[in-house]
């Protein structure tokens, strides 16, 4: 949780509650303008608010913000070899959450596209670099792929004039903050 400093505030209080509950839990009291709330349950909707206390005055609260927690990644991918192995091992039954731990260099690595995917790939803003391929990363996607970049150093030579370098066929999949800078040629 991050907030802007309030002029005249002597301290702040961060509070949360499960959205359907009535009692607030105080997570933090102090002078910082950010705080990480921990030990929340995955897949639960929470209300969060920040209070500002001025010397000699009562607390005033921010607007309540409602957010849902997401499942923490069960797999972290930190190398090109790990990405290639992970892609080859997942299918339409895969519902895990995986995350890129850093930029991934695919120089000299051949991929077999994932036959399908129904989980979440969290790119965390990292790039996949130096991939040369004639197949997409995922043959099919019904899951969520977010915050990943296919770098301009990636190139794909397609065998069909209908081709996506990230996903060959989307079956209700979701894409958030995905950037494709890769080149695609068709012969």
Protein backbone atom coordinates (compact mmCIF):
# COMPACT_ATOMS: atom_id res chain seq x y z
CA UNK A 1 0.00 0.00 0.00
CA UNK A 2 1.44 3.38 -0.97
CA UNK A 3 0.03 6.85 -0.36
CA UNK A 4 1.02 10.49 -0.69
CA UNK A 5 2.17 12.39 2.38
CA UNK A 6 -0.56 14.48 3.97
CA UNK A 7 0.44 17.99 5.04
CA UNK A 8 0.33 18.27 8.82
CA UNK A 9 0.08 14.52 9.46
CA UNK A 10 2.11 13.28 12.43
CA UNK A 11 1.57 9.58 11.64
CA UNK A 12 -0.37 7.14 9.47
CA UNK A 13 -2.32 3.97 10.10
CA UNK A 14 -2.89 1.20 7.55
CA UNK A 15 -5.90 -1.03 8.15
CA UNK A 16 -7.52 -3.93 6.30
CA UNK A 17 -10.50 -6.23 6.62
CA UNK A 18 -12.07 -9.02 4.64
CA UNK A 19 -14.57 -7.20 2.41
CA UNK A 20 -17.61 -8.89 4.00
CA UNK A 21 -16.38 -8.31 7.59
CA UNK A 22 -17.11 -5.31 9.77
CA UNK A 23 -13.98 -5.18 11.97
CA UNK A 24 -10.78 -3.52 10.76
CA UNK A 25 -7.30 -4.88 11.57
CA UNK A 26 -4.53 -2.31 12.15
CA UNK A 27 -1.45 -3.42 10.18
CA UNK A 28 0.83 -0.42 10.60
CA UNK A 29 1.18 2.81 12.57
CA UNK A 30 4.10 5.13 11.82
CA UNK A 31 5.57 7.87 9.64
CA UNK A 32 6.31 5.95 6.41
CA UNK A 33 4.14 6.47 3.29
CA UNK A 34 4.12 2.82 2.23
CA UNK A 35 3.55 -0.52 3.91
CA UNK A 36 3.34 -4.14 2.73
CA UNK A 37 0.48 -6.08 4.28
CA UNK A 38 1.49 -9.73 4.67
CA UNK A 39 -0.12 -13.01 5.63
CA UNK A 40 -3.28 -12.47 3.56
CA UNK A 41 -5.15 -15.43 2.10
CA UNK A 42 -4.99 -16.13 -1.62
CA UNK A 43 -8.13 -15.45 -3.66
CA UNK A 44 -9.83 -13.29 -1.01
CA UNK A 45 -11.26 -9.78 -1.43
CA UNK A 46 -9.97 -7.23 1.10
CA UNK A 47 -10.83 -3.61 1.90
CA UNK A 48 -7.85 -1.37 2.71
CA UNK A 49 -7.73 2.17 4.08
CA UNK A 50 -5.09 4.59 5.31
CA UNK A 51 -5.66 6.97 8.20
CA UNK A 52 -3.76 10.21 8.75
CA UNK A 53 -3.36 11.62 12.28
CA UNK A 54 -2.51 15.28 12.78
CA UNK A 55 -1.17 16.46 16.15
CA UNK A 56 -4.09 17.19 18.44
CA UNK A 57 -6.68 16.08 15.86
CA UNK A 58 -8.58 12.90 15.20
CA UNK A 59 -7.78 10.49 12.39
CA UNK A 60 -9.23 10.98 8.92
CA UNK A 61 -9.36 8.02 6.56
CA UNK A 62 -8.74 7.67 2.85
CA UNK A 63 -11.36 6.18 0.60
CA UNK A 64 -11.63 2.43 1.04
CA UNK A 65 -9.92 0.48 -1.74
CA UNK A 66 -11.08 -3.08 -2.43
CA UNK A 67 -8.58 -5.55 -3.87
CA UNK A 68 -8.38 -9.28 -4.40
CA UNK A 69 -5.29 -11.29 -3.61
CA UNK A 70 -3.82 -13.62 -6.19
CA UNK A 71 -2.22 -16.99 -5.71
CA UNK A 72 1.53 -16.81 -5.16
CA UNK A 73 3.66 -18.39 -7.90
CA UNK A 74 4.51 -22.04 -7.34
CA UNK A 75 7.17 -21.99 -10.08
CA UNK A 76 9.87 -19.37 -10.68
CA UNK A 77 11.61 -19.41 -14.06
CA UNK A 78 15.07 -17.85 -14.10
CA UNK A 79 16.81 -19.25 -17.21
CA UNK A 80 16.13 -20.10 -20.83
CA UNK A 81 16.59 -23.80 -20.10
CA UNK A 82 14.01 -23.62 -17.31
CA UNK A 83 11.52 -21.83 -19.59
CA UNK A 84 11.97 -24.44 -22.36
CA UNK A 85 11.54 -27.32 -19.87
CA UNK A 86 8.48 -25.67 -18.29
CA UNK A 87 6.80 -25.04 -21.68
CA UNK A 88 7.39 -28.66 -22.77
CA UNK A 89 5.90 -29.98 -19.53
CA UNK A 90 2.62 -28.08 -19.27
CA UNK A 91 -0.76 -28.78 -20.88
CA UNK A 92 -4.37 -27.60 -20.93
CA UNK A 93 -4.75 -29.15 -17.46
CA UNK A 94 -1.98 -26.96 -16.01
CA UNK A 95 -3.50 -24.38 -13.67
CA UNK A 96 -0.39 -23.40 -11.71
CA UNK A 97 0.92 -19.86 -11.27
CA UNK A 98 4.42 -19.40 -12.69
CA UNK A 99 6.57 -16.26 -12.70
CA UNK A 100 9.63 -15.05 -14.56
CA UNK A 101 12.27 -14.21 -11.95
CA UNK A 102 14.33 -12.04 -14.35
CA UNK A 103 14.85 -11.42 -18.07
CA UNK A 104 15.16 -14.77 -19.87
CA UNK A 105 17.87 -15.30 -22.50
CA UNK A 106 16.87 -17.98 -25.02
CA UNK A 107 20.08 -17.78 -27.12
CA UNK A 108 20.64 -21.22 -28.72
CA UNK A 109 17.66 -22.84 -26.99
CA UNK A 110 14.96 -24.64 -28.97
CA UNK A 111 11.43 -24.67 -27.60
CA UNK A 112 8.54 -27.08 -27.92
CA UNK A 113 5.40 -25.01 -27.48
CA UNK A 114 3.16 -25.78 -24.53
CA UNK A 115 0.25 -27.76 -25.93
CA UNK A 116 -2.05 -25.63 -23.82
CA UNK A 117 -2.16 -23.60 -20.65
CA UNK A 118 -4.91 -22.78 -18.15
CA UNK A 119 -2.85 -21.24 -15.35
CA UNK A 120 -1.16 -17.86 -14.90
CA UNK A 121 2.20 -16.74 -16.25
CA UNK A 122 3.31 -13.61 -14.42
CA UNK A 123 6.15 -11.98 -16.37
CA UNK A 124 6.69 -9.33 -13.69
CA UNK A 125 7.76 -6.91 -16.44
CA UNK A 126 10.64 -9.11 -17.57
CA UNK A 127 11.61 -9.84 -21.18
CA UNK A 128 12.17 -13.01 -23.16
CA UNK A 129 15.21 -12.34 -25.36
CA UNK A 130 17.12 -13.93 -28.25
CA UNK A 131 14.51 -16.55 -29.13
CA UNK A 132 14.53 -17.81 -32.72
CA UNK A 133 11.65 -20.17 -33.43
CA UNK A 134 9.06 -21.33 -35.93
CA UNK A 135 6.53 -22.12 -33.18
CA UNK A 136 4.81 -19.94 -30.56
CA UNK A 137 5.49 -20.34 -26.84
CA UNK A 138 1.95 -21.66 -26.25
CA UNK A 139 -0.04 -23.61 -28.85
CA UNK A 140 -3.23 -22.77 -26.93
CA UNK A 141 -4.05 -20.55 -23.96
CA UNK A 142 -7.13 -20.45 -21.77
CA UNK A 143 -5.25 -19.00 -18.79
CA UNK A 144 -3.75 -15.59 -18.02
CA UNK A 145 -0.47 -14.22 -19.35
CA UNK A 146 0.60 -10.86 -17.99
CA UNK A 147 3.43 -8.35 -17.75
CA UNK A 148 5.81 -10.05 -20.17
CA UNK A 149 7.75 -8.68 -23.15
CA UNK A 150 8.88 -10.60 -26.23
CA UNK A 151 12.02 -8.55 -26.94
CA UNK A 152 12.93 -7.19 -30.38
CA UNK A 153 15.83 -9.67 -30.42
CA UNK A 154 13.26 -12.49 -30.85
CA UNK A 155 12.35 -13.66 -34.36
CA UNK A 156 9.78 -16.15 -35.58
CA UNK A 157 9.49 -17.75 -39.01
CA UNK A 158 5.91 -18.87 -39.34
CA UNK A 159 4.69 -21.78 -41.43
CA UNK A 160 1.27 -20.19 -41.73
CA UNK A 161 0.03 -16.67 -42.41
CA UNK A 162 -2.01 -16.91 -39.17
CA UNK A 163 0.56 -16.91 -36.39
CA UNK A 164 1.06 -15.47 -32.94
CA UNK A 165 4.56 -15.65 -31.40
CA UNK A 166 3.23 -15.86 -27.86
CA UNK A 167 0.07 -17.91 -28.41
CA UNK A 168 -1.02 -19.85 -31.48
CA UNK A 169 -4.68 -20.02 -30.45
CA UNK A 170 -6.44 -18.29 -27.60
CA UNK A 171 -9.38 -20.13 -26.06
CA UNK A 172 -10.77 -17.51 -23.71
CA UNK A 173 -7.30 -16.58 -22.48
CA UNK A 174 -6.56 -13.23 -20.82
CA UNK A 175 -3.60 -10.98 -21.64
CA UNK A 176 -2.56 -8.02 -19.50
CA UNK A 177 0.42 -5.75 -20.24
CA UNK A 178 1.88 -8.15 -22.82
CA UNK A 179 4.22 -6.54 -25.35
CA UNK A 180 5.38 -8.18 -28.58
CA UNK A 181 8.44 -6.55 -30.14
CA UNK A 182 9.50 -9.74 -31.92
CA UNK A 183 9.65 -9.95 -35.70
CA UNK A 184 7.48 -12.51 -37.51
CA UNK A 185 8.11 -13.56 -41.11
CA UNK A 186 6.06 -15.90 -43.25
CA UNK A 187 7.49 -17.96 -46.05
